[in-house]
Amino acid sequence: MSVMTPTEFLGAVPIDGYGPGFFRVGGKVHHGAIIVTADGVIPWGGIEDPQPLLALAGSVDVLFVGMGADVAFPPRDLTDALEQAGIMPEPMSSPSAARSYNVTLSEGRRVGCALLPL
């Protein structure tokens, strides 16, 4: 398990840690795929479930997309739909996405993180 030690988040919810099949966000453990924003966590059906990601339009500018243990790219149609909704997707591994989310969140930016489990 990896534990992350974020600095200051001005009331937003940081990703505290992750491990095989789970993420810890704001001190609570969540199993499976999740979407994290400054407001909290919602379960996510994964890449085949684009609607919760598209629902972030207007509330996030950047969406870190954690594709699991390794770097992978989401399907082009998902990337295109997000971009058309005004969301810039940034695909990477889930550990990298979690760290990038925390750093960007601490800067006060409008950011979200969609994470597939390791």
PDB file of N, CA and C in Angstrom:
ATOM      1  N   MET A   1       0.834  -1.172   0.000  1.00  0.00           N
ATOM      2  CA  MET A   1       0.000   0.000   0.000  1.00  0.00           C
ATOM      3  C   MET A   1       0.879   1.234   0.000  1.00  0.00           C
ATOM      4  N   SER A   2       0.434   2.237  -0.721  1.00  0.00           N
ATOM      5  CA  SER A   2       1.160   3.502  -0.737  1.00  0.00           C
ATOM      6  C   SER A   2       0.347   4.530   0.027  1.00  0.00           C
ATOM      7  N   VAL A   3       1.004   5.265   0.883  1.00  0.00           N
ATOM      8  CA  VAL A   3       0.373   6.331   1.648  1.00  0.00           C
ATOM      9  C   VAL A   3       0.922   7.651   1.149  1.00  0.00           C
ATOM     10  N   MET A   4       0.034   8.575   0.902  1.00  0.00           N
ATOM     11  CA  MET A   4       0.429   9.872   0.396  1.00  0.00           C
ATOM     12  C   MET A   4       0.260  10.889   1.519  1.00  0.00           C
ATOM     13  N   THR A   5       1.144  11.851   1.581  1.00  0.00           N
ATOM     14  CA  THR A   5       1.068  12.865   2.627  1.00  0.00           C
ATOM     15  C   THR A   5       0.880  14.238   1.998  1.00  0.00           C
ATOM     16  N   PRO A   6      -0.379  14.595   1.692  1.00  0.00           N
ATOM     17  CA  PRO A   6      -0.656  15.891   1.079  1.00  0.00           C
ATOM     18  C   PRO A   6      -0.466  17.028   2.069  1.00  0.00           C
ATOM     19  N   THR A   7      -0.329  18.225   1.536  1.00  0.00           N
ATOM     20  CA  THR A   7      -0.103  19.385   2.382  1.00  0.00           C
ATOM     21  C   THR A   7      -1.443  20.043   2.744  1.00  0.00           C
ATOM     22  N   GLU A   8      -1.872  21.026   2.026  1.00  0.00           N
ATOM     23  CA  GLU A   8      -3.077  21.769   2.369  1.00  0.00           C
ATOM     24  C   GLU A   8      -4.040  21.755   1.191  1.00  0.00           C
ATOM     25  N   PHE A   9      -5.332  21.496   1.481  1.00  0.00           N
ATOM     26  CA  PHE A   9      -6.307  21.355   0.407  1.00  0.00           C
ATOM     27  C   PHE A   9      -7.509  22.273   0.547  1.00  0.00           C
ATOM     28  N   LEU A  10      -7.473  23.204   1.490  1.00  0.00           N
ATOM     29  CA  LEU A  10      -8.527  24.208   1.631  1.00  0.00           C
ATOM     30  C   LEU A  10      -9.921  23.594   1.650  1.00  0.00           C
ATOM     31  N   GLY A  11     -10.111  22.541   2.413  1.00  0.00           N
ATOM     32  CA  GLY A  11     -11.412  21.906   2.562  1.00  0.00           C
ATOM     33  C   GLY A  11     -11.743  20.861   1.519  1.00  0.00           C
ATOM     34  N   ALA A  12     -10.934  20.725   0.484  1.00  0.00           N
ATOM     35  CA  ALA A  12     -11.180  19.727  -0.558  1.00  0.00           C
ATOM     36  C   ALA A  12     -10.738  18.349  -0.072  1.00  0.00           C
ATOM     37  N   VAL A  13     -11.156  17.312  -0.793  1.00  0.00           N
ATOM     38  CA  VAL A  13     -10.886  15.935  -0.399  1.00  0.00           C
ATOM     39  C   VAL A  13      -9.685  15.386  -1.175  1.00  0.00           C
ATOM     40  N   PRO A  14      -8.544  15.111  -0.495  1.00  0.00           N
ATOM     41  CA  PRO A  14      -7.367  14.559  -1.176  1.00  0.00           C
ATOM     42  C   PRO A  14      -7.409  13.034  -1.224  1.00  0.00           C
ATOM     43  N   ILE A  15      -6.602  12.470  -2.094  1.00  0.00           N
ATOM     44  CA  ILE A  15      -6.397  11.024  -2.149  1.00  0.00           C
ATOM     45  C   ILE A  15      -5.260  10.715  -1.189  1.00  0.00           C
ATOM     46  N   ASP A  16      -5.568   9.908  -0.164  1.00  0.00           N
ATOM     47  CA  ASP A  16      -4.600   9.624   0.896  1.00  0.00           C
ATOM     48  C   ASP A  16      -3.689   8.437   0.582  1.00  0.00           C
ATOM     49  N   GLY A  17      -4.181   7.466  -0.175  1.00  0.00           N
ATOM     50  CA  GLY A  17      -3.391   6.276  -0.444  1.00  0.00           C
ATOM     51  C   GLY A  17      -4.106   5.347  -1.408  1.00  0.00           C
ATOM     52  N   TYR A  18      -3.419   4.273  -1.787  1.00  0.00           N
ATOM     53  CA  TYR A  18      -3.990   3.302  -2.714  1.00  0.00           C
ATOM     54  C   TYR A  18      -3.252   1.991  -2.555  1.00  0.00           C
ATOM     55  N   GLY A  19      -3.862   0.945  -3.041  1.00  0.00           N
ATOM     56  CA  GLY A  19      -3.271  -0.381  -3.006  1.00  0.00           C
ATOM     57  C   GLY A  19      -4.059  -1.289  -3.927  1.00  0.00           C
ATOM     58  N   PRO A  20      -3.790  -2.575  -3.907  1.00  0.00           N
ATOM     59  CA  PRO A  20      -4.478  -3.501  -4.811  1.00  0.00           C
ATOM     60  C   PRO A  20      -5.997  -3.472  -4.613  1.00  0.00           C
ATOM     61  N   GLY A  21      -6.707  -2.898  -5.570  1.00  0.00           N
ATOM     62  CA  GLY A  21      -8.168  -2.905  -5.567  1.00  0.00           C
ATOM     63  C   GLY A  21      -8.837  -1.811  -4.761  1.00  0.00           C
ATOM     64  N   PHE A  22      -8.082  -0.897  -4.149  1.00  0.00           N
ATOM     65  CA  PHE A  22      -8.724   0.136  -3.334  1.00  0.00           C
ATOM     66  C   PHE A  22      -7.973   1.465  -3.413  1.00  0.00           C
ATOM     67  N   PHE A  23      -8.712   2.501  -3.005  1.00  0.00           N
ATOM     68  CA  PHE A  23      -8.155   3.851  -2.845  1.00  0.00           C
ATOM     69  C   PHE A  23      -8.651   4.384  -1.511  1.00  0.00           C
ATOM     70  N   ARG A  24      -7.835   5.149  -0.820  1.00  0.00           N
ATOM     71  CA  ARG A  24      -8.252   5.807   0.410  1.00  0.00           C
ATOM     72  C   ARG A  24      -8.322   7.300   0.124  1.00  0.00           C
ATOM     73  N   VAL A  25      -9.509   7.864   0.299  1.00  0.00           N
ATOM     74  CA  VAL A  25      -9.760   9.262  -0.028  1.00  0.00           C
ATOM     75  C   VAL A  25     -10.378   9.935   1.193  1.00  0.00           C
ATOM     76  N   GLY A  26      -9.765  10.984   1.656  1.00  0.00           N
ATOM     77  CA  GLY A  26     -10.282  11.685   2.816  1.00  0.00           C
ATOM     78  C   GLY A  26     -10.434  10.783   4.028  1.00  0.00           C
ATOM     79  N   GLY A  27      -9.546   9.782   4.149  1.00  0.00           N
ATOM     80  CA  GLY A  27      -9.563   8.878   5.288  1.00  0.00           C
ATOM     81  C   GLY A  27     -10.489   7.684   5.154  1.00  0.00           C
ATOM     82  N   LYS A  28     -11.242   7.581   4.061  1.00  0.00           N
ATOM     83  CA  LYS A  28     -12.176   6.466   3.866  1.00  0.00           C
ATOM     84  C   LYS A  28     -11.692   5.574   2.721  1.00  0.00           C
ATOM     85  N   VAL A  29     -11.841   4.262   2.891  1.00  0.00           N
ATOM     86  CA  VAL A  29     -11.415   3.300   1.872  1.00  0.00           C
ATOM     87  C   VAL A  29     -12.560   3.053   0.891  1.00  0.00           C
ATOM     88  N   HIS A  30     -12.214   3.083  -0.403  1.00  0.00           N
ATOM     89  CA  HIS A  30     -13.171   2.832  -1.486  1.00  0.00           C
ATOM     90  C   HIS A  30     -12.598   1.723  -2.358  1.00  0.00           C
ATOM     91  N   HIS A  31     -13.403   0.714  -2.626  1.00  0.00           N
ATOM     92  CA  HIS A  31     -12.973  -0.407  -3.464  1.00  0.00           C
ATOM     93  C   HIS A  31     -13.478  -0.218  -4.889  1.00  0.00           C
ATOM     94  N   GLY A  32     -12.677  -0.612  -5.850  1.00  0.00           N
ATOM     95  CA  GLY A  32     -13.060  -0.517  -7.250  1.00  0.00           C
ATOM     96  C   GLY A  32     -12.764   0.842  -7.832  1.00  0.00           C
ATOM     97  N   ALA A  33     -13.315   1.071  -9.028  1.00  0.00           N
ATOM     98  CA  ALA A  33     -13.092   2.321  -9.754  1.00  0.00           C
ATOM     99  C   ALA A  33     -13.890   3.446  -9.112  1.00  0.00           C
ATOM    100  N   ILE A  34     -13.264   4.629  -9.046  1.00  0.00           N
ATOM    101  CA  ILE A  34     -13.907   5.795  -8.437  1.00  0.00           C
ATOM    102  C   ILE A  34     -13.597   7.064  -9.220  1.00  0.00           C
ATOM    103  N   ILE A  35     -14.410   8.076  -8.967  1.00  0.00           N
ATOM    104  CA  ILE A  35     -14.151   9.424  -9.460  1.00  0.00           C
ATOM    105  C   ILE A  35     -14.014  10.308  -8.229  1.00  0.00           C
ATOM    106  N   VAL A  36     -12.947  11.093  -8.196  1.00  0.00           N
ATOM    107  CA  VAL A  36     -12.681  11.975  -7.059  1.00  0.00           C
ATOM    108  C   VAL A  36     -12.668  13.417  -7.556  1.00  0.00           C
ATOM    109  N   THR A  37     -13.404  14.271  -6.847  1.00  0.00           N
ATOM    110  CA  THR A  37     -13.349  15.704  -7.104  1.00  0.00           C
ATOM    111  C   THR A  37     -13.161  16.393  -5.757  1.00  0.00           C
ATOM    112  N   ALA A  38     -13.048  17.693  -5.775  1.00  0.00           N
ATOM    113  CA  ALA A  38     -12.887  18.436  -4.528  1.00  0.00           C
ATOM    114  C   ALA A  38     -14.073  18.212  -3.589  1.00  0.00           C
ATOM    115  N   ASP A  39     -15.211  17.831  -4.140  1.00  0.00           N
ATOM    116  CA  ASP A  39     -16.424  17.616  -3.346  1.00  0.00           C
ATOM    117  C   ASP A  39     -16.509  16.233  -2.721  1.00  0.00           C
ATOM    118  N   GLY A  40     -15.778  15.266  -3.244  1.00  0.00           N
ATOM    119  CA  GLY A  40     -15.849  13.922  -2.680  1.00  0.00           C
ATOM    120  C   GLY A  40     -15.621  12.833  -3.703  1.00  0.00           C
ATOM    121  N   VAL A  41     -16.178  11.657  -3.402  1.00  0.00           N
ATOM    122  CA  VAL A  41     -15.944  10.449  -4.190  1.00  0.00           C
ATOM    123  C   VAL A  41     -17.278   9.862  -4.649  1.00  0.00           C
ATOM    124  N   ILE A  42     -17.306   9.389  -5.901  1.00  0.00           N
ATOM    125  CA  ILE A  42     -18.454   8.621  -6.377  1.00  0.00           C
ATOM    126  C   ILE A  42     -17.934   7.340  -7.030  1.00  0.00           C
ATOM    127  N   PRO A  43     -18.697   6.246  -6.936  1.00  0.00           N
ATOM    128  CA  PRO A  43     -18.285   5.020  -7.626  1.00  0.00           C
ATOM    129  C   PRO A  43     -18.366   5.236  -9.138  1.00  0.00           C
ATOM    130  N   TRP A  44     -17.569   4.473  -9.850  1.00  0.00           N
ATOM    131  CA  TRP A  44     -17.499   4.614 -11.306  1.00  0.00           C
ATOM    132  C   TRP A  44     -17.464   3.233 -11.927  1.00  0.00           C
ATOM    133  N   GLY A  45     -18.166   3.057 -13.020  1.00  0.00           N
ATOM    134  CA  GLY A  45     -18.214   1.781 -13.727  1.00  0.00           C
ATOM    135  C   GLY A  45     -17.032   1.539 -14.646  1.00  0.00           C
ATOM    136  N   GLY A  46     -16.057   2.434 -14.652  1.00  0.00           N
ATOM    137  CA  GLY A  46     -14.873   2.270 -15.495  1.00  0.00           C
ATOM    138  C   GLY A  46     -15.038   2.908 -16.856  1.00  0.00           C
ATOM    139  N   ILE A  47     -14.114   2.614 -17.718  1.00  0.00           N
ATOM    140  CA  ILE A  47     -14.034   3.245 -19.047  1.00  0.00           C
ATOM    141  C   ILE A  47     -15.331   3.092 -19.843  1.00  0.00           C
ATOM    142  N   GLU A  48     -16.059   2.007 -19.620  1.00  0.00           N
ATOM    143  CA  GLU A  48     -17.311   1.777 -20.339  1.00  0.00           C
ATOM    144  C   GLU A  48     -18.453   2.613 -19.780  1.00  0.00           C
ATOM    145  N   ASP A  49     -18.202   3.442 -18.772  1.00  0.00           N
ATOM    146  CA  ASP A  49     -19.216   4.245 -18.096  1.00  0.00           C
ATOM    147  C   ASP A  49     -18.844   5.732 -18.198  1.00  0.00           C
ATOM    148  N   PRO A  50     -19.049   6.335 -19.385  1.00  0.00           N
ATOM    149  CA  PRO A  50     -18.591   7.710 -19.579  1.00  0.00           C
ATOM    150  C   PRO A  50     -19.477   8.783 -18.938  1.00  0.00           C
ATOM    151  N   GLN A  51     -20.729   8.484 -18.651  1.00  0.00           N
ATOM    152  CA  GLN A  51     -21.658   9.518 -18.188  1.00  0.00           C
ATOM    153  C   GLN A  51     -21.218  10.250 -16.920  1.00  0.00           C
ATOM    154  N   PRO A  52     -20.741   9.542 -15.884  1.00  0.00           N
ATOM    155  CA  PRO A  52     -20.289  10.291 -14.705  1.00  0.00           C
ATOM    156  C   PRO A  52     -19.117  11.233 -14.997  1.00  0.00           C
ATOM    157  N   LEU A  53     -18.285  10.857 -15.956  1.00  0.00           N
ATOM    158  CA  LEU A  53     -17.172  11.734 -16.336  1.00  0.00           C
ATOM    159  C   LEU A  53     -17.688  12.970 -17.059  1.00  0.00           C
ATOM    160  N   LEU A  54     -18.621  12.759 -17.977  1.00  0.00           N
ATOM    161  CA  LEU A  54     -19.176  13.880 -18.732  1.00  0.00           C
ATOM    162  C   LEU A  54     -19.992  14.808 -17.838  1.00  0.00           C
ATOM    163  N   ALA A  55     -20.556  14.266 -16.765  1.00  0.00           N
ATOM    164  CA  ALA A  55     -21.323  15.082 -15.814  1.00  0.00           C
ATOM    165  C   ALA A  55     -20.434  16.087 -15.075  1.00  0.00           C
ATOM    166  N   LEU A  56     -19.122  15.911 -15.148  1.00  0.00           N
ATOM    167  CA  LEU A  56     -18.190  16.840 -14.517  1.00  0.00           C
ATOM    168  C   LEU A  56     -18.013  18.130 -15.314  1.00  0.00           C
ATOM    169  N   ALA A  57     -18.574  18.184 -16.514  1.00  0.00           N
ATOM    170  CA  ALA A  57     -18.441  19.376 -17.365  1.00  0.00           C
ATOM    171  C   ALA A  57     -18.925  20.606 -16.599  1.00  0.00           C
ATOM    172  N   GLY A  58     -18.129  21.647 -16.636  1.00  0.00           N
ATOM    173  CA  GLY A  58     -18.450  22.880 -15.952  1.00  0.00           C
ATOM    174  C   GLY A  58     -17.908  22.952 -14.529  1.00  0.00           C
ATOM    175  N   SER A  59     -17.535  21.796 -13.962  1.00  0.00           N
ATOM    176  CA  SER A  59     -17.005  21.815 -12.597  1.00  0.00           C
ATOM    177  C   SER A  59     -15.519  21.462 -12.532  1.00  0.00           C
ATOM    178  N   VAL A  60     -14.987  20.817 -13.578  1.00  0.00           N
ATOM    179  CA  VAL A  60     -13.549  20.540 -13.636  1.00  0.00           C
ATOM    180  C   VAL A  60     -13.027  20.933 -15.013  1.00  0.00           C
ATOM    181  N   ASP A  61     -11.779  21.358 -15.037  1.00  0.00           N
ATOM    182  CA  ASP A  61     -11.124  21.700 -16.298  1.00  0.00           C
ATOM    183  C   ASP A  61     -10.214  20.571 -16.763  1.00  0.00           C
ATOM    184  N   VAL A  62      -9.597  19.895 -15.798  1.00  0.00           N
ATOM    185  CA  VAL A  62      -8.667  18.806 -16.078  1.00  0.00           C
ATOM    186  C   VAL A  62      -9.151  17.563 -15.358  1.00  0.00           C
ATOM    187  N   LEU A  63      -9.103  16.426 -16.057  1.00  0.00           N
ATOM    188  CA  LEU A  63      -9.472  15.143 -15.461  1.00  0.00           C
ATOM    189  C   LEU A  63      -8.301  14.184 -15.628  1.00  0.00           C
ATOM    190  N   PHE A  64      -7.651  13.848 -14.506  1.00  0.00           N
ATOM    191  CA  PHE A  64      -6.607  12.831 -14.547  1.00  0.00           C
ATOM    192  C   PHE A  64      -7.303  11.480 -14.608  1.00  0.00           C
ATOM    193  N   VAL A  65      -6.949  10.688 -15.611  1.00  0.00           N
ATOM    194  CA  VAL A  65      -7.580   9.390 -15.811  1.00  0.00           C
ATOM    195  C   VAL A  65      -6.544   8.320 -15.496  1.00  0.00           C
ATOM    196  N   GLY A  66      -6.683   7.706 -14.326  1.00  0.00           N
ATOM    197  CA  GLY A  66      -5.781   6.651 -13.906  1.00  0.00           C
ATOM    198  C   GLY A  66      -6.225   5.326 -14.492  1.00  0.00           C
ATOM    199  N   MET A  67      -5.409   4.778 -15.374  1.00  0.00           N
ATOM    200  CA  MET A  67      -5.788   3.585 -16.136  1.00  0.00           C
ATOM    201  C   MET A  67      -5.341   2.281 -15.468  1.00  0.00           C
ATOM    202  N   GLY A  68      -5.081   2.303 -14.166  1.00  0.00           N
ATOM    203  CA  GLY A  68      -4.633   1.103 -13.461  1.00  0.00           C
ATOM    204  C   GLY A  68      -3.150   1.182 -13.169  1.00  0.00           C
ATOM    205  N   ALA A  69      -2.519   0.016 -13.081  1.00  0.00           N
ATOM    206  CA  ALA A  69      -1.106  -0.042 -12.687  1.00  0.00           C
ATOM    207  C   ALA A  69      -0.168   0.523 -13.748  1.00  0.00           C
ATOM    208  N   ASP A  70      -0.569   0.470 -15.005  1.00  0.00           N
ATOM    209  CA  ASP A  70       0.306   0.893 -16.094  1.00  0.00           C
ATOM    210  C   ASP A  70      -0.312   2.039 -16.881  1.00  0.00           C
ATOM    211  N   VAL A  71       0.499   2.740 -17.604  1.00  0.00           N
ATOM    212  CA  VAL A  71       0.016   3.793 -18.482  1.00  0.00           C
ATOM    213  C   VAL A  71      -0.710   3.148 -19.657  1.00  0.00           C
ATOM    214  N   ALA A  72      -1.900   3.636 -19.931  1.00  0.00           N
ATOM    215  CA  ALA A  72      -2.689   3.191 -21.077  1.00  0.00           C
ATOM    216  C   ALA A  72      -3.523   4.382 -21.525  1.00  0.00           C
ATOM    217  N   PHE A  73      -4.128   4.283 -22.667  1.00  0.00           N
ATOM    218  CA  PHE A  73      -4.938   5.381 -23.176  1.00  0.00           C
ATOM    219  C   PHE A  73      -6.389   4.949 -23.251  1.00  0.00           C
ATOM    220  N   PRO A  74      -7.306   5.811 -22.801  1.00  0.00           N
ATOM    221  CA  PRO A  74      -8.726   5.495 -22.935  1.00  0.00           C
ATOM    222  C   PRO A  74      -9.112   5.514 -24.407  1.00  0.00           C
ATOM    223  N   PRO A  75     -10.258   4.927 -24.733  1.00  0.00           N
ATOM    224  CA  PRO A  75     -10.706   4.939 -26.132  1.00  0.00           C
ATOM    225  C   PRO A  75     -10.828   6.370 -26.661  1.00  0.00           C
ATOM    226  N   ARG A  76     -10.493   6.535 -27.906  1.00  0.00           N
ATOM    227  CA  ARG A  76     -10.488   7.867 -28.530  1.00  0.00           C
ATOM    228  C   ARG A  76     -11.854   8.538 -28.446  1.00  0.00           C
ATOM    229  N   ASP A  77     -12.954   7.763 -28.583  1.00  0.00           N
ATOM    230  CA  ASP A  77     -14.275   8.378 -28.530  1.00  0.00           C
ATOM    231  C   ASP A  77     -14.556   8.980 -27.144  1.00  0.00           C
ATOM    232  N   LEU A  78     -14.028   8.370 -26.075  1.00  0.00           N
ATOM    233  CA  LEU A  78     -14.184   8.925 -24.731  1.00  0.00           C
ATOM    234  C   LEU A  78     -13.379  10.211 -24.604  1.00  0.00           C
ATOM    235  N   THR A  79     -12.155  10.190 -25.068  1.00  0.00           N
ATOM    236  CA  THR A  79     -11.303  11.386 -25.033  1.00  0.00           C
ATOM    237  C   THR A  79     -11.945  12.529 -25.805  1.00  0.00           C
ATOM    238  N   ASP A  80     -12.470  12.229 -26.992  1.00  0.00           N
ATOM    239  CA  ASP A  80     -13.126  13.254 -27.805  1.00  0.00           C
ATOM    240  C   ASP A  80     -14.352  13.826 -27.094  1.00  0.00           C
ATOM    241  N   ALA A  81     -15.164  12.961 -26.497  1.00  0.00           N
ATOM    242  CA  ALA A  81     -16.376  13.416 -25.797  1.00  0.00           C
ATOM    243  C   ALA A  81     -16.014  14.317 -24.618  1.00  0.00           C
ATOM    244  N   LEU A  82     -14.992  13.952 -23.869  1.00  0.00           N
ATOM    245  CA  LEU A  82     -14.561  14.782 -22.745  1.00  0.00           C
ATOM    246  C   LEU A  82     -14.071  16.141 -23.225  1.00  0.00           C
ATOM    247  N   GLU A  83     -13.256  16.139 -24.261  1.00  0.00           N
ATOM    248  CA  GLU A  83     -12.745  17.400 -24.789  1.00  0.00           C
ATOM    249  C   GLU A  83     -13.880  18.284 -25.293  1.00  0.00           C
ATOM    250  N   GLN A  84     -14.880  17.685 -25.963  1.00  0.00           N
ATOM    251  CA  GLN A  84     -16.021  18.463 -26.447  1.00  0.00           C
ATOM    252  C   GLN A  84     -16.838  19.037 -25.295  1.00  0.00           C
ATOM    253  N   ALA A  85     -16.796  18.375 -24.134  1.00  0.00           N
ATOM    254  CA  ALA A  85     -17.504  18.854 -22.943  1.00  0.00           C
ATOM    255  C   ALA A  85     -16.687  19.892 -22.177  1.00  0.00           C
ATOM    256  N   GLY A  86     -15.496  20.217 -22.673  1.00  0.00           N
ATOM    257  CA  GLY A  86     -14.656  21.213 -22.021  1.00  0.00           C
ATOM    258  C   GLY A  86     -13.764  20.661 -20.923  1.00  0.00           C
ATOM    259  N   ILE A  87     -13.567  19.346 -20.925  1.00  0.00           N
ATOM    260  CA  ILE A  87     -12.725  18.680 -19.935  1.00  0.00           C
ATOM    261  C   ILE A  87     -11.476  18.163 -20.629  1.00  0.00           C
ATOM    262  N   MET A  88     -10.307  18.515 -20.111  1.00  0.00           N
ATOM    263  CA  MET A  88      -9.057  18.037 -20.691  1.00  0.00           C
ATOM    264  C   MET A  88      -8.652  16.747 -19.994  1.00  0.00           C
ATOM    265  N   PRO A  89      -8.764  15.590 -20.675  1.00  0.00           N
ATOM    266  CA  PRO A  89      -8.350  14.329 -20.054  1.00  0.00           C
ATOM    267  C   PRO A  89      -6.832  14.164 -20.105  1.00  0.00           C
ATOM    268  N   GLU A  90      -6.277  13.675 -18.997  1.00  0.00           N
ATOM    269  CA  GLU A  90      -4.838  13.410 -18.898  1.00  0.00           C
ATOM    270  C   GLU A  90      -4.664  11.961 -18.455  1.00  0.00           C
ATOM    271  N   PRO A  91      -4.544  11.028 -19.410  1.00  0.00           N
ATOM    272  CA  PRO A  91      -4.395   9.621 -19.025  1.00  0.00           C
ATOM    273  C   PRO A  91      -2.996   9.310 -18.512  1.00  0.00           C
ATOM    274  N   MET A  92      -2.932   8.446 -17.498  1.00  0.00           N
ATOM    275  CA  MET A  92      -1.669   8.005 -16.903  1.00  0.00           C
ATOM    276  C   MET A  92      -1.972   6.809 -16.017  1.00  0.00           C
ATOM    277  N   SER A  93      -0.982   6.274 -15.355  1.00  0.00           N
ATOM    278  CA  SER A  93      -1.239   5.191 -14.410  1.00  0.00           C
ATOM    279  C   SER A  93      -2.024   5.754 -13.223  1.00  0.00           C
ATOM    280  N   SER A  94      -2.742   4.898 -12.510  1.00  0.00           N
ATOM    281  CA  SER A  94      -3.524   5.367 -11.368  1.00  0.00           C
ATOM    282  C   SER A  94      -2.657   5.988 -10.266  1.00  0.00           C
ATOM    283  N   PRO A  95      -1.500   5.396  -9.915  1.00  0.00           N
ATOM    284  CA  PRO A  95      -0.659   6.067  -8.912  1.00  0.00           C
ATOM    285  C   PRO A  95      -0.232   7.477  -9.341  1.00  0.00           C
ATOM    286  N   SER A  96       0.148   7.623 -10.597  1.00  0.00           N
ATOM    287  CA  SER A  96       0.550   8.943 -11.097  1.00  0.00           C
ATOM    288  C   SER A  96      -0.635   9.904 -11.107  1.00  0.00           C
ATOM    289  N   ALA A  97      -1.808   9.402 -11.476  1.00  0.00           N
ATOM    290  CA  ALA A  97      -3.001  10.247 -11.505  1.00  0.00           C
ATOM    291  C   ALA A  97      -3.353  10.734 -10.105  1.00  0.00           C
ATOM    292  N   ALA A  98      -3.250   9.849  -9.115  1.00  0.00           N
ATOM    293  CA  ALA A  98      -3.559  10.233  -7.731  1.00  0.00           C
ATOM    294  C   ALA A  98      -2.602  11.319  -7.244  1.00  0.00           C
ATOM    295  N   ARG A  99      -1.335  11.155  -7.500  1.00  0.00           N
ATOM    296  CA  ARG A  99      -0.354  12.164  -7.077  1.00  0.00           C
ATOM    297  C   ARG A  99      -0.575  13.487  -7.817  1.00  0.00           C
ATOM    298  N   SER A 100      -0.802  13.417  -9.119  1.00  0.00           N
ATOM    299  CA  SER A 100      -1.017  14.632  -9.911  1.00  0.00           C
ATOM    300  C   SER A 100      -2.278  15.360  -9.458  1.00  0.00           C
ATOM    301  N   TYR A 101      -3.317  14.584  -9.152  1.00  0.00           N
ATOM    302  CA  TYR A 101      -4.560  15.172  -8.648  1.00  0.00           C
ATOM    303  C   TYR A 101      -4.287  15.959  -7.365  1.00  0.00           C
ATOM    304  N   ASN A 102      -3.598  15.355  -6.414  1.00  0.00           N
ATOM    305  CA  ASN A 102      -3.336  16.030  -5.139  1.00  0.00           C
ATOM    306  C   ASN A 102      -2.546  17.318  -5.326  1.00  0.00           C
ATOM    307  N   VAL A 103      -1.529  17.279  -6.163  1.00  0.00           N
ATOM    308  CA  VAL A 103      -0.713  18.477  -6.401  1.00  0.00           C
ATOM    309  C   VAL A 103      -1.573  19.569  -7.044  1.00  0.00           C
ATOM    310  N   THR A 104      -2.338  19.209  -8.053  1.00  0.00           N
ATOM    311  CA  THR A 104      -3.154  20.186  -8.765  1.00  0.00           C
ATOM    312  C   THR A 104      -4.273  20.711  -7.863  1.00  0.00           C
ATOM    313  N   LEU A 105      -4.866  19.828  -7.062  1.00  0.00           N
ATOM    314  CA  LEU A 105      -5.901  20.226  -6.117  1.00  0.00           C
ATOM    315  C   LEU A 105      -5.351  21.221  -5.097  1.00  0.00           C
ATOM    316  N   SER A 106      -4.132  20.981  -4.625  1.00  0.00           N
ATOM    317  CA  SER A 106      -3.528  21.874  -3.624  1.00  0.00           C
ATOM    318  C   SER A 106      -3.259  23.266  -4.192  1.00  0.00           C
ATOM    319  N   GLU A 107      -3.217  23.366  -5.517  1.00  0.00           N
ATOM    320  CA  GLU A 107      -3.039  24.660  -6.177  1.00  0.00           C
ATOM    321  C   GLU A 107      -4.356  25.414  -6.318  1.00  0.00           C
ATOM    322  N   GLY A 108      -5.466  24.764  -5.907  1.00  0.00           N
ATOM    323  CA  GLY A 108      -6.771  25.401  -5.986  1.00  0.00           C
ATOM    324  C   GLY A 108      -7.417  25.318  -7.354  1.00  0.00           C
ATOM    325  N   ARG A 109      -6.932  24.448  -8.200  1.00  0.00           N
ATOM    326  CA  ARG A 109      -7.465  24.334  -9.561  1.00  0.00           C
ATOM    327  C   ARG A 109      -8.695  23.438  -9.594  1.00  0.00           C
ATOM    328  N   ARG A 110      -9.499  23.580 -10.632  1.00  0.00           N
ATOM    329  CA  ARG A 110     -10.704  22.761 -10.831  1.00  0.00           C
ATOM    330  C   ARG A 110     -10.288  21.459 -11.509  1.00  0.00           C
ATOM    331  N   VAL A 111     -10.133  20.436 -10.698  1.00  0.00           N
ATOM    332  CA  VAL A 111      -9.564  19.180 -11.185  1.00  0.00           C
ATOM    333  C   VAL A 111     -10.380  17.997 -10.667  1.00  0.00           C
ATOM    334  N   GLY A 112     -10.369  16.935 -11.448  1.00  0.00           N
ATOM    335  CA  GLY A 112     -10.986  15.677 -11.040  1.00  0.00           C
ATOM    336  C   GLY A 112     -10.044  14.541 -11.349  1.00  0.00           C
ATOM    337  N   CYS A 113     -10.362  13.378 -10.797  1.00  0.00           N
ATOM    338  CA  CYS A 113      -9.513  12.195 -10.999  1.00  0.00           C
ATOM    339  C   CYS A 113     -10.411  10.972 -11.121  1.00  0.00           C
ATOM    340  N   ALA A 114     -10.325  10.281 -12.227  1.00  0.00           N
ATOM    341  CA  ALA A 114     -11.043   9.027 -12.440  1.00  0.00           C
ATOM    342  C   ALA A 114     -10.017   7.912 -12.339  1.00  0.00           C
ATOM    343  N   LEU A 115     -10.243   6.978 -11.411  1.00  0.00           N
ATOM    344  CA  LEU A 115      -9.214   5.973 -11.096  1.00  0.00           C
ATOM    345  C   LEU A 115      -9.714   4.549 -11.277  1.00  0.00           C
ATOM    346  N   LEU A 116      -9.007   3.800 -12.096  1.00  0.00           N
ATOM    347  CA  LEU A 116      -9.206   2.347 -12.180  1.00  0.00           C
ATOM    348  C   LEU A 116      -8.274   1.704 -11.165  1.00  0.00           C
ATOM    349  N   PRO A 117      -8.734   0.664 -10.473  1.00  0.00           N
ATOM    350  CA  PRO A 117      -7.893   0.050  -9.433  1.00  0.00           C
ATOM    351  C   PRO A 117      -6.651  -0.609  -9.995  1.00  0.00           C
ATOM    352  N   LEU A 118      -5.655  -0.770  -9.122  1.00  0.00           N
ATOM    353  CA  LEU A 118      -4.409  -1.440  -9.473  1.00  0.00           C
ATOM    354  C   LEU A 118      -4.650  -2.932  -9.521  1.00  0.00           C
TER     355      LEU A 118
END
